Amino acid sequence: MDKQASDDQPLKKSKLYKWLAVLPIIVVLILITAYIFSRLNHPVTAQVKATQWQASSTAYNIDLTPTPMVGSYVSFDYPRGLHLVSTALVSVPSVEDFTYYAKDISSWTLAIDIARTPTGVLTESSSYTLRKDNPQAYSESFTTVNGQSTTVMTDTTVVDGFSKVAYLTHGNLVATVSLIGNDAAGTQPLQITFAMVLNSWRWL
């Protein structure tokens, strides 16, 4: 009996040494597993690099390359970066409409309406009379288009941005050219667009 006990003692020591050798590995695995689970359950904090912020805050650049448009009553140039979104059927007194759109800080909207009036006098346009009767909100100025004096109404309530409407007459037709928008580069791109349309304007 004593001999068997003495034989078992080295065997037990051998097993103990093996467990002692494996134990650190088990502890390390447990610690790694606990760390992974703690990271999975931890709220994610996003860090935006400077380059990422600059990319997201960069405004859209609208292509100002002149692009011709020929309608039934008029022709004109508009910037390539503006997209035609409507040439829907018009109702009396309008005979032709064009609506263009683009996106920068806020939307750009270029809306052109050709309307037939009894005599072609500007005061027959409700759009014009509305602005003319509200000088506290609209400033009237004049520009020359194809040698003809043309009325321009500017919305003075717009602080940051651009809002102008030009009125062109031809026979008994009155054209309303409206441009509203905002741009990261200021009002210059919109001024260029407005001038582009008026300087290229032709009645057909």
C-alpha atoms as a PDB file:
ATOM      1  CA  MET A   1       0.000   0.000   0.000  1.00  0.00           C
ATOM      2  CA  ASP A   2       2.848   2.366   0.886  1.00  0.00           C
ATOM      3  CA  LYS A   3       4.583   1.494  -2.403  1.00  0.00           C
ATOM      4  CA  GLN A   4       1.466   2.397  -4.464  1.00  0.00           C
ATOM      5  CA  ALA A   5       1.138   5.721  -2.633  1.00  0.00           C
ATOM      6  CA  SER A   6       4.760   6.523  -3.339  1.00  0.00           C
ATOM      7  CA  ASP A   7       4.210   5.681  -7.048  1.00  0.00           C
ATOM      8  CA  ASP A   8       1.127   7.949  -7.240  1.00  0.00           C
ATOM      9  CA  GLN A   9       2.912  10.919  -5.716  1.00  0.00           C
ATOM     10  CA  PRO A  10       5.198  11.669  -8.744  1.00  0.00           C
ATOM     11  CA  LEU A  11       2.149  11.297 -11.042  1.00  0.00           C
ATOM     12  CA  LYS A  12       0.170  13.866  -9.069  1.00  0.00           C
ATOM     13  CA  LYS A  13       3.114  16.255  -9.108  1.00  0.00           C
ATOM     14  CA  SER A  14       3.405  15.856 -12.892  1.00  0.00           C
ATOM     15  CA  LYS A  15      -0.298  16.733 -13.380  1.00  0.00           C
ATOM     16  CA  LEU A  16       0.066  19.696 -11.017  1.00  0.00           C
ATOM     17  CA  TYR A  17       3.010  21.038 -13.001  1.00  0.00           C
ATOM     18  CA  LYS A  18       1.012  20.706 -16.236  1.00  0.00           C
ATOM     19  CA  TRP A  19      -1.907  22.655 -14.742  1.00  0.00           C
ATOM     20  CA  LEU A  20       0.430  25.315 -13.438  1.00  0.00           C
ATOM     21  CA  ALA A  21       1.910  25.618 -16.926  1.00  0.00           C
ATOM     22  CA  VAL A  22      -1.532  25.897 -18.590  1.00  0.00           C
ATOM     23  CA  LEU A  23      -3.082  28.177 -15.942  1.00  0.00           C
ATOM     24  CA  PRO A  24      -1.410  31.435 -17.127  1.00  0.00           C
ATOM     25  CA  ILE A  25      -2.638  30.766 -20.662  1.00  0.00           C
ATOM     26  CA  ILE A  26      -6.205  30.274 -19.401  1.00  0.00           C
ATOM     27  CA  VAL A  27      -6.020  33.469 -17.347  1.00  0.00           C
ATOM     28  CA  VAL A  28      -4.739  35.433 -20.370  1.00  0.00           C
ATOM     29  CA  LEU A  29      -7.565  34.048 -22.547  1.00  0.00           C
ATOM     30  CA  ILE A  30     -10.150  35.005 -19.928  1.00  0.00           C
ATOM     31  CA  LEU A  31      -8.734  38.536 -19.697  1.00  0.00           C
ATOM     32  CA  ILE A  32      -8.717  38.925 -23.497  1.00  0.00           C
ATOM     33  CA  THR A  33     -12.321  37.698 -23.741  1.00  0.00           C
ATOM     34  CA  ALA A  34     -13.434  40.097 -20.988  1.00  0.00           C
ATOM     35  CA  TYR A  35     -11.694  43.000 -22.737  1.00  0.00           C
ATOM     36  CA  ILE A  36     -13.342  42.214 -26.085  1.00  0.00           C
ATOM     37  CA  PHE A  37     -16.809  42.077 -24.504  1.00  0.00           C
ATOM     38  CA  SER A  38     -16.215  45.321 -22.636  1.00  0.00           C
ATOM     39  CA  ARG A  39     -15.267  47.055 -25.922  1.00  0.00           C
ATOM     40  CA  LEU A  40     -18.324  45.694 -27.689  1.00  0.00           C
ATOM     41  CA  ASN A  41     -20.610  47.096 -25.005  1.00  0.00           C
ATOM     42  CA  HIS A  42     -18.789  50.417 -24.761  1.00  0.00           C
ATOM     43  CA  PRO A  43     -20.366  53.427 -26.582  1.00  0.00           C
ATOM     44  CA  VAL A  44     -18.538  54.275 -29.794  1.00  0.00           C
ATOM     45  CA  THR A  45     -17.013  57.738 -29.940  1.00  0.00           C
ATOM     46  CA  ALA A  46     -16.488  58.997 -33.475  1.00  0.00           C
ATOM     47  CA  GLN A  47     -13.431  61.092 -34.157  1.00  0.00           C
ATOM     48  CA  VAL A  48     -13.647  63.257 -37.271  1.00  0.00           C
ATOM     49  CA  LYS A  49     -10.311  64.141 -38.767  1.00  0.00           C
ATOM     50  CA  ALA A  50      -9.724  67.653 -40.061  1.00  0.00           C
ATOM     51  CA  THR A  51      -9.669  66.426 -43.650  1.00  0.00           C
ATOM     52  CA  GLN A  52     -13.049  64.703 -43.160  1.00  0.00           C
ATOM     53  CA  TRP A  53     -14.592  67.891 -41.762  1.00  0.00           C
ATOM     54  CA  GLN A  54     -13.215  69.957 -44.606  1.00  0.00           C
ATOM     55  CA  ALA A  55     -14.651  67.542 -47.170  1.00  0.00           C
ATOM     56  CA  SER A  56     -18.098  67.570 -45.569  1.00  0.00           C
ATOM     57  CA  SER A  57     -18.160  71.364 -45.224  1.00  0.00           C
ATOM     58  CA  THR A  58     -17.040  72.048 -48.793  1.00  0.00           C
ATOM     59  CA  ALA A  59     -19.877  73.658 -50.733  1.00  0.00           C
ATOM     60  CA  TYR A  60     -21.023  72.437 -54.089  1.00  0.00           C
ATOM     61  CA  ASN A  61     -19.432  74.156 -57.069  1.00  0.00           C
ATOM     62  CA  ILE A  62     -22.033  74.992 -59.712  1.00  0.00           C
ATOM     63  CA  ASP A  63     -20.764  74.889 -63.289  1.00  0.00           C
ATOM     64  CA  LEU A  64     -21.369  78.360 -64.778  1.00  0.00           C
ATOM     65  CA  THR A  65     -20.581  77.366 -68.372  1.00  0.00           C
ATOM     66  CA  PRO A  66     -23.202  79.048 -70.606  1.00  0.00           C
ATOM     67  CA  THR A  67     -25.646  76.542 -72.103  1.00  0.00           C
ATOM     68  CA  PRO A  68     -28.199  77.592 -74.740  1.00  0.00           C
ATOM     69  CA  MET A  69     -31.934  77.062 -74.348  1.00  0.00           C
ATOM     70  CA  VAL A  70     -34.282  77.660 -77.274  1.00  0.00           C
ATOM     71  CA  GLY A  71     -37.981  77.782 -76.552  1.00  0.00           C
ATOM     72  CA  SER A  72     -41.025  78.692 -78.594  1.00  0.00           C
ATOM     73  CA  TYR A  73     -40.957  82.391 -77.695  1.00  0.00           C
ATOM     74  CA  VAL A  74     -37.459  83.102 -76.381  1.00  0.00           C
ATOM     75  CA  SER A  75     -33.891  81.862 -76.333  1.00  0.00           C
ATOM     76  CA  PHE A  76     -31.279  82.449 -73.633  1.00  0.00           C
ATOM     77  CA  ASP A  77     -28.198  80.970 -71.985  1.00  0.00           C
ATOM     78  CA  TYR A  78     -28.165  79.435 -68.511  1.00  0.00           C
ATOM     79  CA  PRO A  79     -25.367  77.801 -66.435  1.00  0.00           C
ATOM     80  CA  ARG A  80     -24.716  74.145 -67.189  1.00  0.00           C
ATOM     81  CA  GLY A  81     -24.812  73.390 -63.460  1.00  0.00           C
ATOM     82  CA  LEU A  82     -28.498  74.277 -63.261  1.00  0.00           C
ATOM     83  CA  HIS A  83     -30.842  71.407 -64.055  1.00  0.00           C
ATOM     84  CA  LEU A  84     -34.107  71.881 -65.908  1.00  0.00           C
ATOM     85  CA  VAL A  85     -36.804  70.486 -63.626  1.00  0.00           C
ATOM     86  CA  SER A  86     -39.958  71.752 -65.254  1.00  0.00           C
ATOM     87  CA  THR A  87     -41.263  72.647 -68.686  1.00  0.00           C
ATOM     88  CA  ALA A  88     -44.776  71.663 -67.735  1.00  0.00           C
ATOM     89  CA  LEU A  89     -47.840  72.704 -69.683  1.00  0.00           C
ATOM     90  CA  VAL A  90     -48.687  76.250 -68.732  1.00  0.00           C
ATOM     91  CA  SER A  91     -52.025  77.887 -68.124  1.00  0.00           C
ATOM     92  CA  VAL A  92     -53.314  81.227 -69.344  1.00  0.00           C
ATOM     93  CA  PRO A  93     -51.966  83.905 -69.305  1.00  0.00           C
ATOM     94  CA  SER A  94     -48.593  82.081 -69.379  1.00  0.00           C
ATOM     95  CA  VAL A  95     -47.511  80.652 -72.702  1.00  0.00           C
ATOM     96  CA  GLU A  96     -44.125  79.177 -71.735  1.00  0.00           C
ATOM     97  CA  ASP A  97     -42.262  78.303 -68.518  1.00  0.00           C
ATOM     98  CA  PHE A  98     -38.736  77.192 -67.603  1.00  0.00           C
ATOM     99  CA  THR A  99     -37.648  76.207 -64.090  1.00  0.00           C
ATOM    100  CA  TYR A 100     -34.052  75.326 -63.228  1.00  0.00           C
ATOM    101  CA  TYR A 101     -32.623  74.087 -59.945  1.00  0.00           C
ATOM    102  CA  ALA A 102     -29.263  73.529 -58.282  1.00  0.00           C
ATOM    103  CA  LYS A 103     -28.028  72.966 -54.722  1.00  0.00           C
ATOM    104  CA  ASP A 104     -25.375  74.937 -52.865  1.00  0.00           C
ATOM    105  CA  ILE A 105     -25.751  76.397 -49.345  1.00  0.00           C
ATOM    106  CA  SER A 106     -29.429  76.591 -50.184  1.00  0.00           C
ATOM    107  CA  SER A 107     -31.235  75.809 -53.402  1.00  0.00           C
ATOM    108  CA  TRP A 108     -30.806  77.919 -56.493  1.00  0.00           C
ATOM    109  CA  THR A 109     -34.039  78.415 -58.409  1.00  0.00           C
ATOM    110  CA  LEU A 110     -34.120  80.092 -61.801  1.00  0.00           C
ATOM    111  CA  ALA A 111     -37.732  80.503 -62.904  1.00  0.00           C
ATOM    112  CA  ILE A 112     -38.677  82.046 -66.241  1.00  0.00           C
ATOM    113  CA  ASP A 113     -42.280  82.707 -67.218  1.00  0.00           C
ATOM    114  CA  ILE A 114     -43.564  84.111 -70.500  1.00  0.00           C
ATOM    115  CA  ALA A 115     -47.092  85.511 -70.193  1.00  0.00           C
ATOM    116  CA  ARG A 116     -49.459  87.105 -72.648  1.00  0.00           C
ATOM    117  CA  THR A 117     -51.063  90.363 -71.482  1.00  0.00           C
ATOM    118  CA  PRO A 118     -53.714  92.590 -73.112  1.00  0.00           C
ATOM    119  CA  THR A 119     -51.256  95.260 -74.266  1.00  0.00           C
ATOM    120  CA  GLY A 120     -47.803  94.238 -72.974  1.00  0.00           C
ATOM    121  CA  VAL A 121     -47.678  97.034 -70.418  1.00  0.00           C
ATOM    122  CA  LEU A 122     -45.663  96.024 -67.373  1.00  0.00           C
ATOM    123  CA  THR A 123     -48.358  97.094 -64.932  1.00  0.00           C
ATOM    124  CA  GLU A 124     -50.498  94.271 -66.327  1.00  0.00           C
ATOM    125  CA  SER A 125     -48.152  91.802 -64.622  1.00  0.00           C
ATOM    126  CA  SER A 126     -49.373  90.900 -61.125  1.00  0.00           C
ATOM    127  CA  SER A 127     -45.812  89.857 -60.193  1.00  0.00           C
ATOM    128  CA  TYR A 128     -44.549  93.342 -60.991  1.00  0.00           C
ATOM    129  CA  THR A 129     -47.402  95.279 -59.339  1.00  0.00           C
ATOM    130  CA  LEU A 130     -47.066  93.207 -56.150  1.00  0.00           C
ATOM    131  CA  ARG A 131     -43.440  94.275 -55.829  1.00  0.00           C
ATOM    132  CA  LYS A 132     -44.042  97.836 -57.014  1.00  0.00           C
ATOM    133  CA  ASP A 133     -46.680  98.277 -54.305  1.00  0.00           C
ATOM    134  CA  ASN A 134     -44.277  97.088 -51.582  1.00  0.00           C
ATOM    135  CA  PRO A 135     -41.234  99.386 -51.772  1.00  0.00           C
ATOM    136  CA  GLN A 136     -40.348  98.530 -48.160  1.00  0.00           C
ATOM    137  CA  ALA A 137     -39.466  95.011 -49.324  1.00  0.00           C
ATOM    138  CA  TYR A 138     -38.480  95.477 -52.983  1.00  0.00           C
ATOM    139  CA  SER A 139     -36.025  97.898 -54.565  1.00  0.00           C
ATOM    140  CA  GLU A 140     -36.571  98.874 -58.214  1.00  0.00           C
ATOM    141  CA  SER A 141     -33.658  99.396 -60.584  1.00  0.00           C
ATOM    142  CA  PHE A 142     -33.092  99.319 -64.325  1.00  0.00           C
ATOM    143  CA  THR A 143     -30.710  97.587 -66.712  1.00  0.00           C
ATOM    144  CA  THR A 144     -30.423  97.465 -70.490  1.00  0.00           C
ATOM    145  CA  VAL A 145     -31.202  94.268 -72.389  1.00  0.00           C
ATOM    146  CA  ASN A 146     -30.789  94.371 -76.180  1.00  0.00           C
ATOM    147  CA  GLY A 147     -30.959  98.166 -76.078  1.00  0.00           C
ATOM    148  CA  GLN A 148     -34.221  98.107 -74.121  1.00  0.00           C
ATOM    149  CA  SER A 149     -34.608  99.435 -70.585  1.00  0.00           C
ATOM    150  CA  THR A 150     -35.533  96.529 -68.309  1.00  0.00           C
ATOM    151  CA  THR A 151     -36.944  96.702 -64.791  1.00  0.00           C
ATOM    152  CA  VAL A 152     -35.299  94.668 -62.034  1.00  0.00           C
ATOM    153  CA  MET A 153     -36.823  94.166 -58.600  1.00  0.00           C
ATOM    154  CA  THR A 154     -34.517  93.158 -55.718  1.00  0.00           C
ATOM    155  CA  ASP A 155     -35.842  91.612 -52.530  1.00  0.00           C
ATOM    156  CA  THR A 156     -34.193  93.747 -49.846  1.00  0.00           C
ATOM    157  CA  THR A 157     -35.384  91.448 -47.044  1.00  0.00           C
ATOM    158  CA  VAL A 158     -32.878  88.794 -48.138  1.00  0.00           C
ATOM    159  CA  VAL A 159     -29.771  89.398 -46.035  1.00  0.00           C
ATOM    160  CA  ASP A 160     -27.557  86.456 -47.017  1.00  0.00           C
ATOM    161  CA  GLY A 161     -28.277  85.396 -50.552  1.00  0.00           C
ATOM    162  CA  PHE A 162     -29.657  86.593 -53.842  1.00  0.00           C
ATOM    163  CA  SER A 163     -33.224  87.368 -54.925  1.00  0.00           C
ATOM    164  CA  LYS A 164     -33.909  89.352 -58.081  1.00  0.00           C
ATOM    165  CA  VAL A 165     -36.663  89.457 -60.695  1.00  0.00           C
ATOM    166  CA  ALA A 166     -36.289  91.055 -64.140  1.00  0.00           C
ATOM    167  CA  TYR A 167     -39.239  92.000 -66.365  1.00  0.00           C
ATOM    168  CA  LEU A 168     -38.843  92.044 -70.136  1.00  0.00           C
ATOM    169  CA  THR A 169     -41.574  93.085 -72.565  1.00  0.00           C
ATOM    170  CA  HIS A 170     -42.118  92.310 -76.241  1.00  0.00           C
ATOM    171  CA  GLY A 171     -45.377  93.184 -77.981  1.00  0.00           C
ATOM    172  CA  ASN A 172     -48.072  91.887 -75.676  1.00  0.00           C
ATOM    173  CA  LEU A 173     -45.714  89.435 -73.952  1.00  0.00           C
ATOM    174  CA  VAL A 174     -44.114  89.948 -70.541  1.00  0.00           C
ATOM    175  CA  ALA A 175     -41.229  87.737 -69.430  1.00  0.00           C
ATOM    176  CA  THR A 176     -40.498  87.309 -65.729  1.00  0.00           C
ATOM    177  CA  VAL A 177     -36.950  86.132 -64.954  1.00  0.00           C
ATOM    178  CA  SER A 178     -36.519  85.242 -61.284  1.00  0.00           C
ATOM    179  CA  LEU A 179     -33.355  83.982 -59.591  1.00  0.00           C
ATOM    180  CA  ILE A 180     -33.218  83.087 -55.890  1.00  0.00           C
ATOM    181  CA  GLY A 181     -30.384  81.339 -54.069  1.00  0.00           C
ATOM    182  CA  ASN A 182     -27.291  81.341 -51.916  1.00  0.00           C
ATOM    183  CA  ASP A 183     -23.711  80.284 -52.581  1.00  0.00           C
ATOM    184  CA  ALA A 184     -20.584  79.617 -50.515  1.00  0.00           C
ATOM    185  CA  ALA A 185     -18.686  82.049 -52.751  1.00  0.00           C
ATOM    186  CA  GLY A 186     -21.177  84.830 -52.022  1.00  0.00           C
ATOM    187  CA  THR A 187     -23.562  86.412 -54.505  1.00  0.00           C
ATOM    188  CA  GLN A 188     -21.092  86.666 -57.394  1.00  0.00           C
ATOM    189  CA  PRO A 189     -22.004  83.286 -59.002  1.00  0.00           C
ATOM    190  CA  LEU A 190     -25.672  84.274 -58.854  1.00  0.00           C
ATOM    191  CA  GLN A 191     -24.933  87.731 -60.275  1.00  0.00           C
ATOM    192  CA  ILE A 192     -23.078  86.028 -63.144  1.00  0.00           C
ATOM    193  CA  THR A 193     -26.035  83.718 -63.753  1.00  0.00           C
ATOM    194  CA  PHE A 194     -28.574  86.551 -63.730  1.00  0.00           C
ATOM    195  CA  ALA A 195     -26.459  88.609 -66.139  1.00  0.00           C
ATOM    196  CA  MET A 196     -25.891  85.551 -68.347  1.00  0.00           C
ATOM    197  CA  VAL A 197     -29.614  85.019 -68.859  1.00  0.00           C
ATOM    198  CA  LEU A 198     -30.376  88.700 -69.523  1.00  0.00           C
ATOM    199  CA  ASN A 199     -27.368  89.389 -71.773  1.00  0.00           C
ATOM    200  CA  SER A 200     -28.181  86.389 -73.977  1.00  0.00           C
ATOM    201  CA  TRP A 201     -31.941  87.003 -74.072  1.00  0.00           C
ATOM    202  CA  ARG A 202     -33.584  86.918 -77.492  1.00  0.00           C
ATOM    203  CA  TRP A 203     -37.242  87.100 -78.408  1.00  0.00           C
ATOM    204  CA  LEU A 204     -38.134  84.672 -81.224  1.00  0.00           C
END
